[in-house]
Amino acid sequence: MSFELIGFVTVLAGLGVLMAPVHWALTLMVVSTALGSAAAIDLPALGGASILVPNVFLLFFGLRVLMAYGEGPVLSAFVPAGAGFWLMVLTFFGVLTAFLSPRLFQGAVDVMTVERSVGARSFISLSPLQLSSNNITQTVYALGGLGCFGFCYAYLRRTMAPSHLINALLVAAAVNIAFAVADVVTYFSGTEYLLSVVRTANYALLTGAEKGGLKRISGSFPEASAFADYTLVLFAATASLWLDRVRARVTGVLAAASLAGLIFSTSATALLGLAVVFPFLWIRSILTAFDRSKPARPVFLAALFLVVPLVILAIVNLFPEMIATVYDFLDEMLLSKADSQSGRERAMWNTAAYEAFINTFGLGAGLGSARASSYLLVLLSNVGILGFILFCIFVAATLFARTASNGVRSAESRAAMRAAKAGFGAALSTALVSGTVYDLGLMVYILGGSVSALACRQIIQPTATGARLIGASGPRRMGGIR
């Protein structure tokens, strides 16, 4: 086991968090997810597998939450019928398959898997199914995601402070944009080595790619598509907050900057994700138009949908040569994607994943055993049809979670819940198009746990001396942040 420099920084920050107010732990936990290519620890015993900064910091975040609130609130995240319960069942089932399925179908199924070598970058190849380090690492990530869900749930359940979640998301969006700017500046100034401190993972780092004459922004992630996936989540969350008029100036600027980052990432996945996120935001804005307190911006969005087509028509007539350039760019990025080497390679991944699903009789090859280029096929090839059903129930329980009808929630709490749902849905939209492994990243579990906590059946009533929390056992003073 070897520590990177950023690994030492992560441990020091974690030790500092244990002695700081607990809301610092939440903020740093969310911000750490922006370091998508920063390995804190390398494990030569597992073929040089990398443990990323967010996964290391999760240990300190969880310990800080347990120090503040104990294990009770964490365990309550997994009560039956809730989203956390279905995530727990899915995770334990996945862990079981990770160690049983590779032995059950060993050598009988060919899967796309990561081949690791110490001191070299990983590569993906088609090989007979067997128990490997990928089963172990994906199991650890799955258990970490489950713990992250419970810790975020416990934090927000006890503090009932949605403003802390909003603050953390805004800081993460700002940090992500800062890394995007640094990526462009260092690329054109020949100083890319300055970002090497956050590019330490044992992955193939495609950080210097161009498309259509544009630098493909990768920020602090190993490639542009990973940056786009993460940025889309933050764009959806900040845009949702802006629609709800929550800190409109800050959220508006961050949403616009994130949108620009998505466009300049030149990622096909980002464009497809925007095609899902924009209608989602537009529909939810219209549905909240009748909220008399703080309606979203239906007039603005309606005008936007009317004006944009007119602007496009004007550009087509005034600048026909620009349209030809844009068409060539989109053709390279979208229309001809399937004929590219990358497209053919990913099609082969999906074919192998589907065959693994069929050849294992729908049981799956085991968590971490197979890669694909769509999260749907990842689930089917790894945890089979049962795991796929459990995942669908978890997603439905999260996206359709609602505040209790007898509950009185602040506008900020409802806005935070809608923003978390928007980010959660955005992550799923890109994963379905290009997800390669079971692990969706800790941000998904942060948002999922936050939604479940904000949907708890509790009543919050403001009083002259502060908020009071009323539960089944009667009123009690809501504890402050420790």
Protein backbone atom coordinates (compact mmCIF):
# COMPACT_ATOMS: atom_id res chain seq x y z
CA MET A 1 0.00 0.00 0.00
CA SER A 2 1.39 3.40 -0.97
CA PHE A 3 0.10 6.88 -0.20
CA GLU A 4 0.00 9.70 -2.72
CA LEU A 5 0.61 13.28 -1.60
CA ILE A 6 -3.08 14.05 -1.91
CA GLY A 7 -3.72 10.98 0.22
CA PHE A 8 -1.77 12.51 3.11
CA VAL A 9 -3.71 15.77 2.64
CA THR A 10 -6.97 13.81 2.73
CA VAL A 11 -6.03 12.05 5.96
CA LEU A 12 -4.98 15.33 7.58
CA ALA A 13 -8.27 16.94 6.51
CA GLY A 14 -10.15 13.95 7.89
CA LEU A 15 -8.39 14.16 11.24
CA GLY A 16 -9.16 17.87 11.36
CA VAL A 17 -12.84 17.20 10.64
CA LEU A 18 -13.07 14.88 13.66
CA MET A 19 -12.37 17.90 15.88
CA ALA A 20 -14.44 20.42 13.87
CA PRO A 21 -18.21 21.07 13.71
CA VAL A 22 -19.99 18.22 11.97
CA HIS A 23 -21.28 20.39 9.10
CA TRP A 24 -17.66 20.77 7.93
CA ALA A 25 -17.61 17.02 7.41
CA LEU A 26 -20.64 17.17 5.12
CA THR A 27 -19.21 20.02 3.05
CA LEU A 28 -15.83 18.35 2.59
CA MET A 29 -17.49 15.02 1.82
CA VAL A 30 -19.51 16.57 -1.02
CA VAL A 31 -16.55 18.62 -2.32
CA SER A 32 -14.24 15.59 -2.31
CA THR A 33 -16.44 13.93 -4.94
CA ALA A 34 -15.11 16.50 -7.42
CA LEU A 35 -11.69 14.78 -7.31
CA GLY A 36 -12.56 12.03 -9.75
CA SER A 37 -9.01 11.13 -10.78
CA ALA A 38 -7.24 11.66 -7.44
CA ALA A 39 -6.09 8.38 -5.90
CA ALA A 40 -5.26 8.70 -2.22
CA ILE A 41 -3.92 5.14 -1.93
CA ASP A 42 -2.56 2.58 -4.39
CA LEU A 43 -2.87 -1.11 -3.59
CA PRO A 44 -0.17 -3.21 -5.33
CA ALA A 45 -1.64 -6.35 -3.72
CA LEU A 46 -4.78 -5.81 -5.81
CA GLY A 47 -2.93 -5.21 -9.06
CA GLY A 48 -2.36 -1.50 -8.43
CA ALA A 49 -6.03 -0.70 -7.73
CA SER A 50 -6.61 2.91 -6.69
CA ILE A 51 -8.66 4.11 -3.72
CA LEU A 52 -9.92 7.57 -4.56
CA VAL A 53 -9.95 10.57 -2.24
CA PRO A 54 -13.76 10.55 -1.72
CA ASN A 55 -13.70 6.93 -0.58
CA VAL A 56 -10.93 7.60 1.93
CA PHE A 57 -12.62 10.73 3.29
CA LEU A 58 -15.88 8.78 3.63
CA LEU A 59 -14.31 6.93 6.57
CA PHE A 60 -13.74 10.19 8.46
CA PHE A 61 -17.15 11.57 7.47
CA GLY A 62 -18.86 8.45 8.78
CA LEU A 63 -16.86 8.48 12.00
CA ARG A 64 -17.71 12.16 12.58
CA VAL A 65 -21.43 11.50 12.10
CA LEU A 66 -21.28 8.55 14.51
CA MET A 67 -19.44 10.70 17.06
CA ALA A 68 -22.15 13.36 16.83
CA TYR A 69 -25.33 11.27 16.66
CA GLY A 70 -24.49 7.62 17.36
CA GLU A 71 -25.48 4.65 15.23
CA GLY A 72 -29.25 4.93 15.74
CA PRO A 73 -29.97 7.60 13.09
CA VAL A 74 -27.68 5.83 10.62
CA LEU A 75 -29.47 2.50 11.03
CA SER A 76 -32.86 4.21 10.74
CA ALA A 77 -31.95 5.02 7.12
CA PHE A 78 -32.54 1.36 6.28
CA VAL A 79 -35.94 0.74 7.81
CA PRO A 80 -38.21 -1.46 5.64
CA ALA A 81 -40.11 0.05 2.71
CA GLY A 82 -37.82 3.08 2.41
CA ALA A 83 -35.31 3.71 -0.36
CA GLY A 84 -32.45 2.90 2.01
CA PHE A 85 -33.92 -0.54 2.73
CA TRP A 86 -33.98 -1.48 -0.95
CA LEU A 87 -30.46 -0.14 -1.42
CA MET A 88 -29.31 -2.27 1.51
CA VAL A 89 -30.94 -5.41 0.08
CA LEU A 90 -29.43 -4.70 -3.35
CA THR A 91 -25.97 -4.12 -1.87
CA PHE A 92 -25.93 -7.27 0.25
CA PHE A 93 -27.23 -9.29 -2.70
CA GLY A 94 -24.52 -7.77 -4.90
CA VAL A 95 -21.80 -8.63 -2.36
CA LEU A 96 -23.09 -12.20 -2.27
CA THR A 97 -22.91 -12.48 -6.07
CA ALA A 98 -19.41 -10.97 -6.13
CA PHE A 99 -17.97 -14.04 -4.44
CA LEU A 100 -20.39 -16.80 -5.48
CA SER A 101 -21.12 -16.16 -9.16
CA PRO A 102 -17.48 -16.10 -10.38
CA ARG A 103 -16.95 -19.49 -8.75
CA LEU A 104 -20.26 -20.87 -9.99
CA PHE A 105 -19.67 -19.87 -13.63
CA GLN A 106 -15.87 -19.85 -13.62
CA GLY A 107 -14.43 -20.29 -17.12
CA ALA A 108 -17.88 -20.83 -18.65
CA VAL A 109 -18.53 -17.16 -19.47
CA ASP A 110 -16.39 -14.53 -21.20
CA VAL A 111 -16.60 -11.01 -19.76
CA MET A 112 -15.03 -7.61 -20.35
CA THR A 113 -12.91 -6.93 -17.30
CA VAL A 114 -10.11 -4.63 -16.16
CA GLU A 115 -6.62 -6.07 -16.24
CA ARG A 116 -4.38 -4.26 -13.78
CA SER A 117 -0.61 -4.25 -13.62
CA VAL A 118 1.47 -2.55 -10.94
CA GLY A 119 3.27 0.51 -12.24
CA ALA A 120 1.24 0.62 -15.47
CA ARG A 121 -2.18 1.84 -16.54
CA SER A 122 -5.17 -0.48 -16.48
CA PHE A 123 -6.65 -1.87 -19.67
CA ILE A 124 -9.86 -3.71 -20.52
CA SER A 125 -9.90 -7.11 -22.22
CA LEU A 126 -12.24 -10.01 -22.92
CA SER A 127 -11.33 -12.96 -20.69
CA PRO A 128 -12.95 -16.01 -19.06
CA LEU A 129 -14.86 -15.29 -15.88
CA GLN A 130 -12.96 -15.77 -12.64
CA LEU A 131 -12.75 -14.17 -9.22
CA SER A 132 -10.56 -11.08 -9.51
CA SER A 133 -9.57 -7.87 -7.76
CA ASN A 134 -12.48 -6.13 -9.55
CA ASN A 135 -14.95 -8.12 -7.47
CA ILE A 136 -13.22 -6.92 -4.31
CA THR A 137 -12.94 -3.26 -5.30
CA GLN A 138 -16.54 -3.01 -6.54
CA THR A 139 -17.72 -4.70 -3.34
CA VAL A 140 -15.87 -2.10 -1.28
CA TYR A 141 -17.35 0.71 -3.39
CA ALA A 142 -20.86 -0.74 -3.04
CA LEU A 143 -20.56 -0.99 0.75
CA GLY A 144 -19.10 2.51 0.83
CA GLY A 145 -22.06 3.84 -1.12
CA LEU A 146 -24.46 2.17 1.29
CA GLY A 147 -22.64 3.72 4.25
CA CYS A 148 -22.56 7.13 2.56
CA PHE A 149 -26.34 6.94 2.08
CA GLY A 150 -26.84 6.18 5.77
CA PHE A 151 -24.44 8.86 7.03
CA CYS A 152 -26.00 11.62 4.90
CA TYR A 153 -29.45 10.49 5.94
CA ALA A 154 -28.47 10.59 9.63
CA TYR A 155 -26.91 14.05 9.31
CA LEU A 156 -29.89 15.70 7.64
CA ARG A 157 -32.41 13.77 9.75
CA ARG A 158 -30.86 15.05 12.96
CA THR A 159 -30.00 18.60 11.93
CA MET A 160 -32.93 19.18 9.54
CA ALA A 161 -30.71 21.87 7.98
CA PRO A 162 -31.18 21.70 4.19
CA SER A 163 -29.12 24.88 3.91
CA HIS A 164 -26.02 22.82 4.76
CA LEU A 165 -26.67 20.50 1.82
CA ILE A 166 -27.26 23.48 -0.46
CA ASN A 167 -24.02 25.13 0.69
CA ALA A 168 -22.07 21.93 0.06
CA LEU A 169 -23.49 21.55 -3.46
CA LEU A 170 -22.66 25.16 -4.32
CA VAL A 171 -19.09 24.82 -3.06
CA ALA A 172 -18.67 21.57 -5.03
CA ALA A 173 -19.97 23.27 -8.19
CA ALA A 174 -17.54 26.16 -7.73
CA VAL A 175 -14.60 23.80 -7.16
CA ASN A 176 -15.55 21.75 -10.22
CA ILE A 177 -15.67 24.89 -12.39
CA ALA A 178 -12.33 26.06 -10.99
CA PHE A 179 -10.71 22.76 -12.00
CA ALA A 180 -12.27 23.06 -15.45
CA VAL A 181 -10.75 26.52 -15.93
CA ALA A 182 -7.39 25.26 -14.61
CA ASP A 183 -7.53 22.35 -17.05
CA VAL A 184 -7.92 24.69 -20.03
CA VAL A 185 -5.35 27.21 -18.81
CA THR A 186 -2.66 24.61 -18.04
CA TYR A 187 -3.28 22.82 -21.36
CA PHE A 188 -2.69 25.89 -23.50
CA SER A 189 0.15 27.20 -21.33
CA GLY A 190 2.01 23.88 -21.31
CA THR A 191 1.80 23.58 -17.52
CA GLU A 192 -0.40 20.48 -17.23
CA TYR A 193 2.02 19.06 -14.68
CA LEU A 194 0.50 21.44 -12.13
CA LEU A 195 -2.63 19.27 -12.05
CA SER A 196 -0.68 16.03 -11.65
CA VAL A 197 -1.35 16.17 -7.90
CA VAL A 198 -5.06 15.42 -8.59
CA ARG A 199 -4.41 13.00 -11.45
CA THR A 200 -2.87 10.08 -9.61
CA ALA A 201 -5.34 7.24 -10.25
CA ASN A 202 -4.22 4.10 -12.06
CA TYR A 203 -6.54 4.84 -14.97
CA ALA A 204 -6.02 5.73 -18.61
CA LEU A 205 -5.98 9.53 -18.31
CA LEU A 206 -7.32 11.14 -21.50
CA THR A 207 -6.86 14.73 -20.36
CA GLY A 208 -5.25 16.20 -23.50
CA ALA A 209 -7.86 15.27 -26.08
CA GLU A 210 -9.32 17.71 -28.62
CA LYS A 211 -12.43 17.52 -30.78
CA GLY A 212 -13.39 19.89 -33.57
CA GLY A 213 -10.46 22.11 -32.62
CA LEU A 214 -11.71 22.47 -29.04
CA LYS A 215 -9.95 21.28 -25.90
CA ARG A 216 -12.12 18.61 -24.31
CA ILE A 217 -12.48 19.76 -20.71
CA SER A 218 -11.75 16.99 -18.23
CA GLY A 219 -11.12 19.09 -15.11
CA SER A 220 -10.14 16.89 -12.18
CA PHE A 221 -11.47 13.73 -13.86
CA PRO A 222 -9.66 11.14 -15.98
CA GLU A 223 -11.54 12.05 -19.17
CA ALA A 224 -14.05 14.50 -20.59
CA SER A 225 -17.04 12.16 -20.37
CA ALA A 226 -16.47 11.56 -16.64
CA PHE A 227 -16.22 15.33 -16.10
CA ALA A 228 -19.45 15.81 -18.08
CA ASP A 229 -21.29 13.16 -16.04
CA TYR A 230 -20.37 14.85 -12.77
CA THR A 231 -20.97 18.38 -14.05
CA LEU A 232 -24.42 17.45 -15.32
CA VAL A 233 -25.40 16.42 -11.78
CA LEU A 234 -24.29 19.77 -10.37
CA PHE A 235 -25.91 21.67 -13.24
CA ALA A 236 -29.24 19.95 -12.60
CA ALA A 237 -29.04 20.66 -8.85
CA THR A 238 -27.99 24.33 -9.16
CA ALA A 239 -30.47 25.01 -11.97
CA SER A 240 -33.23 23.50 -9.84
CA LEU A 241 -32.24 25.78 -6.95
CA TRP A 242 -32.21 28.77 -9.29
CA LEU A 243 -35.71 27.91 -10.49
CA ASP A 244 -36.81 27.85 -6.85
CA ARG A 245 -35.22 31.28 -6.31
CA VAL A 246 -32.79 29.95 -3.70
CA ARG A 247 -29.77 32.29 -3.63
CA ALA A 248 -30.63 33.14 -7.21
CA ARG A 249 -27.49 35.11 -8.07
CA VAL A 250 -25.07 32.42 -6.95
CA THR A 251 -27.06 29.45 -8.23
CA GLY A 252 -27.71 31.18 -11.56
CA VAL A 253 -24.01 31.90 -12.14
CA LEU A 254 -22.95 28.38 -11.13
CA ALA A 255 -25.65 26.76 -13.28
CA ALA A 256 -24.62 28.86 -16.31
CA ALA A 257 -20.93 28.10 -15.76
CA SER A 258 -21.66 24.38 -15.36
CA LEU A 259 -23.68 24.45 -18.58
CA ALA A 260 -20.75 26.07 -20.39
CA GLY A 261 -18.45 23.38 -19.01
CA LEU A 262 -20.80 20.70 -20.30
CA ILE A 263 -20.83 22.20 -23.79
CA PHE A 264 -17.06 22.59 -23.97
CA SER A 265 -16.50 19.07 -22.70
CA THR A 266 -17.79 18.08 -26.17
CA SER A 267 -19.21 14.93 -24.61
CA ALA A 268 -22.02 13.17 -26.45
CA THR A 269 -23.22 11.84 -23.10
CA ALA A 270 -23.51 15.41 -21.80
CA LEU A 271 -25.73 16.44 -24.70
CA LEU A 272 -27.95 13.40 -24.24
CA GLY A 273 -28.11 14.10 -20.52
CA LEU A 274 -29.14 17.71 -21.16
CA ALA A 275 -31.92 16.39 -23.40
CA VAL A 276 -33.29 14.68 -20.28
CA VAL A 277 -32.51 17.36 -17.68
CA PHE A 278 -33.93 20.35 -19.55
CA PRO A 279 -37.44 18.87 -20.04
CA PHE A 280 -37.39 17.64 -16.44
CA LEU A 281 -36.60 21.13 -15.13
CA TRP A 282 -39.13 22.74 -17.46
CA ILE A 283 -41.94 20.38 -16.42
CA ARG A 284 -41.25 20.70 -12.70
CA SER A 285 -41.11 24.49 -13.08
CA ILE A 286 -44.53 24.50 -14.73
CA LEU A 287 -45.95 22.19 -12.06
CA THR A 288 -44.78 24.56 -9.30
CA ALA A 289 -46.14 27.64 -11.08
CA PHE A 290 -49.18 27.68 -8.81
CA ASP A 291 -47.12 27.85 -5.62
CA ARG A 292 -48.14 31.28 -4.38
CA SER A 293 -45.21 31.69 -2.01
CA LYS A 294 -42.26 31.36 -4.39
CA PRO A 295 -43.28 30.09 -7.80
CA ALA A 296 -40.53 28.84 -10.06
CA ARG A 297 -39.84 30.68 -13.29
CA PRO A 298 -42.52 29.37 -15.67
CA VAL A 299 -42.79 32.63 -17.58
CA PHE A 300 -39.05 32.72 -18.20
CA LEU A 301 -38.93 29.08 -19.29
CA ALA A 302 -41.97 29.43 -21.53
CA ALA A 303 -40.38 32.46 -23.18
CA LEU A 304 -37.11 30.56 -23.51
CA PHE A 305 -38.79 27.73 -25.39
CA LEU A 306 -40.41 30.25 -27.72
CA VAL A 307 -37.38 32.46 -28.29
CA VAL A 308 -34.71 29.78 -28.80
CA PRO A 309 -36.26 28.38 -32.01
CA LEU A 310 -36.55 31.91 -33.41
CA VAL A 311 -32.89 32.62 -32.62
CA ILE A 312 -31.83 29.37 -34.28
CA LEU A 313 -33.81 30.22 -37.43
CA ALA A 314 -32.23 33.68 -37.54
CA ILE A 315 -28.71 32.22 -37.25
CA VAL A 316 -29.44 29.68 -39.99
CA ASN A 317 -30.46 32.47 -42.39
CA LEU A 318 -27.75 34.97 -41.46
CA PHE A 319 -24.75 32.65 -40.98
CA PRO A 320 -25.14 29.53 -43.17
CA GLU A 321 -21.39 28.78 -43.04
CA MET A 322 -21.55 28.60 -39.24
CA ILE A 323 -24.29 26.00 -39.48
CA ALA A 324 -22.08 23.82 -41.70
CA THR A 325 -19.29 23.99 -39.10
CA VAL A 326 -21.66 23.12 -36.27
CA TYR A 327 -23.11 20.23 -38.27
CA ASP A 328 -19.65 18.79 -38.91
CA PHE A 329 -18.88 19.07 -35.22
CA LEU A 330 -22.13 17.36 -34.16
CA ASP A 331 -21.65 14.70 -36.81
CA GLU A 332 -18.24 13.86 -35.38
CA MET A 333 -19.52 13.87 -31.81
CA LEU A 334 -22.91 12.20 -32.19
CA LEU A 335 -23.96 10.94 -35.59
CA SER A 336 -20.69 9.17 -36.45
CA LYS A 337 -20.00 8.05 -32.90
CA ALA A 338 -21.10 4.47 -33.52
CA ASP A 339 -18.65 4.13 -36.44
CA SER A 340 -15.67 5.37 -34.43
CA GLN A 341 -13.17 3.06 -32.76
CA SER A 342 -14.56 4.05 -29.36
CA GLY A 343 -18.10 3.33 -30.52
CA ARG A 344 -17.21 -0.10 -31.89
CA GLU A 345 -15.30 -0.93 -28.72
CA ARG A 346 -18.21 -0.01 -26.47
CA ALA A 347 -20.61 -1.95 -28.67
CA MET A 348 -18.38 -4.98 -28.11
CA TRP A 349 -18.55 -4.38 -24.34
CA ASN A 350 -22.35 -4.34 -24.47
CA THR A 351 -22.46 -7.49 -26.57
CA ALA A 352 -20.21 -9.31 -24.12
CA ALA A 353 -22.29 -8.07 -21.16
CA TYR A 354 -25.54 -9.23 -22.73
CA GLU A 355 -24.04 -12.63 -23.52
CA ALA A 356 -22.84 -12.91 -19.92
CA PHE A 357 -26.37 -12.20 -18.72
CA ILE A 358 -27.81 -14.87 -21.03
CA ASN A 359 -25.11 -17.46 -20.35
CA THR A 360 -25.57 -17.12 -16.57
CA PHE A 361 -29.32 -17.78 -16.95
CA GLY A 362 -30.18 -14.26 -15.77
CA LEU A 363 -28.27 -14.60 -12.48
CA GLY A 364 -25.37 -12.35 -13.48
CA ALA A 365 -21.63 -12.95 -13.42
CA GLY A 366 -21.19 -11.28 -10.03
CA LEU A 367 -20.69 -7.74 -8.78
CA GLY A 368 -17.58 -6.29 -10.46
CA SER A 369 -17.12 -9.17 -12.89
CA ALA A 370 -18.23 -7.51 -16.13
CA ARG A 371 -18.05 -4.11 -17.75
CA ALA A 372 -20.44 -2.61 -20.28
CA SER A 373 -21.21 0.76 -21.83
CA SER A 374 -24.69 1.10 -20.37
CA TYR A 375 -25.71 0.87 -16.74
CA LEU A 376 -28.69 -1.27 -17.70
CA LEU A 377 -26.35 -3.94 -19.10
CA VAL A 378 -23.95 -3.47 -16.18
CA LEU A 379 -26.73 -4.39 -13.77
CA LEU A 380 -27.97 -7.33 -15.82
CA SER A 381 -24.49 -8.76 -16.42
CA ASN A 382 -23.32 -8.25 -12.82
CA VAL A 383 -26.29 -8.84 -10.50
CA GLY A 384 -28.81 -10.31 -12.92
CA ILE A 385 -32.52 -9.71 -13.20
CA LEU A 386 -33.12 -9.76 -9.45
CA GLY A 387 -30.49 -7.08 -8.84
CA PHE A 388 -31.97 -5.01 -11.67
CA ILE A 389 -35.44 -5.18 -10.09
CA LEU A 390 -34.07 -4.17 -6.68
CA PHE A 391 -32.26 -1.22 -8.23
CA CYS A 392 -35.42 -0.06 -10.01
CA ILE A 393 -37.36 -0.17 -6.72
CA PHE A 394 -34.61 1.87 -5.02
CA VAL A 395 -34.69 4.50 -7.79
CA ALA A 396 -38.49 4.71 -7.75
CA ALA A 397 -38.56 5.05 -3.96
CA THR A 398 -36.09 7.94 -4.20
CA LEU A 399 -37.56 9.86 -7.13
CA PHE A 400 -41.14 9.52 -5.93
CA ALA A 401 -40.42 10.30 -2.28
CA ARG A 402 -42.72 13.02 -0.99
CA THR A 403 -42.98 15.12 2.10
CA ALA A 404 -45.68 13.81 4.44
CA SER A 405 -49.02 15.41 3.67
CA ASN A 406 -49.37 16.52 7.29
CA GLY A 407 -45.90 18.03 7.40
CA VAL A 408 -45.04 21.69 7.31
CA ARG A 409 -41.80 22.19 5.43
CA SER A 410 -39.82 25.32 4.78
CA ALA A 411 -39.48 26.47 1.19
CA GLU A 412 -35.73 25.86 1.44
CA SER A 413 -36.29 22.26 2.51
CA ARG A 414 -38.59 21.58 -0.45
CA ALA A 415 -36.13 23.28 -2.81
CA ALA A 416 -33.23 21.19 -1.48
CA MET A 417 -35.23 18.02 -1.95
CA ARG A 418 -36.12 18.94 -5.54
CA ALA A 419 -32.49 19.82 -6.28
CA ALA A 420 -31.28 16.50 -4.86
CA LYS A 421 -33.82 14.64 -6.99
CA ALA A 422 -32.75 16.60 -10.08
CA GLY A 423 -29.11 15.71 -9.51
CA PHE A 424 -29.98 12.09 -8.77
CA GLY A 425 -32.01 11.80 -11.98
CA ALA A 426 -29.25 13.48 -14.01
CA ALA A 427 -26.70 10.94 -12.76
CA LEU A 428 -28.97 8.09 -13.80
CA SER A 429 -29.59 9.55 -17.26
CA THR A 430 -25.88 9.57 -18.13
CA ALA A 431 -25.25 6.20 -16.46
CA LEU A 432 -27.89 4.54 -18.62
CA VAL A 433 -26.08 5.84 -21.71
CA SER A 434 -22.44 5.29 -20.75
CA GLY A 435 -22.14 3.72 -17.28
CA THR A 436 -19.39 1.10 -17.26
CA VAL A 437 -19.32 -0.26 -13.69
CA TYR A 438 -21.77 -0.87 -10.85
CA ASP A 439 -20.43 1.99 -8.73
CA LEU A 440 -22.26 5.22 -9.60
CA GLY A 441 -20.05 7.46 -7.47
CA LEU A 442 -20.63 8.75 -3.95
CA MET A 443 -22.53 11.83 -5.12
CA VAL A 444 -25.48 9.62 -6.10
CA TYR A 445 -25.66 8.17 -2.59
CA ILE A 446 -25.23 11.59 -1.00
CA LEU A 447 -28.22 12.88 -2.97
CA GLY A 448 -30.25 9.71 -2.40
CA GLY A 449 -29.71 9.80 1.36
CA SER A 450 -30.54 13.49 1.43
CA VAL A 451 -33.84 12.93 -0.39
CA SER A 452 -34.83 10.20 2.07
CA ALA A 453 -33.97 12.36 5.06
CA LEU A 454 -35.84 15.39 3.74
CA ALA A 455 -38.89 13.22 3.09
CA CYS A 456 -39.12 11.99 6.70
CA ARG A 457 -42.54 12.11 8.33
CA GLN A 458 -41.79 14.84 10.81
CA ILE A 459 -43.26 18.26 11.39
CA ILE A 460 -41.12 21.37 11.60
CA GLN A 461 -42.75 24.38 13.20
CA PRO A 462 -40.90 27.66 13.66
CA THR A 463 -41.19 29.19 17.11
CA ALA A 464 -39.96 32.35 18.70
CA THR A 465 -36.97 30.58 20.23
CA GLY A 466 -36.12 28.30 17.35
CA ALA A 467 -37.36 25.29 15.43
CA ARG A 468 -39.19 22.52 17.26
CA LEU A 469 -39.27 18.98 16.02
CA ILE A 470 -42.50 17.10 16.67
CA GLY A 471 -42.53 13.34 16.30
CA ALA A 472 -44.66 10.47 17.47
CA SER A 473 -43.48 10.82 21.07
CA GLY A 474 -44.31 14.51 21.29
CA PRO A 475 -42.39 17.74 20.93
CA ARG A 476 -38.74 18.00 21.74
CA ARG A 477 -36.15 20.70 21.17
CA MET A 478 -34.21 20.13 17.99
CA GLY A 479 -30.56 19.64 18.82
CA GLY A 480 -28.03 22.07 17.49
CA ILE A 481 -25.09 21.19 15.28
CA ARG A 482 -22.28 19.71 17.31
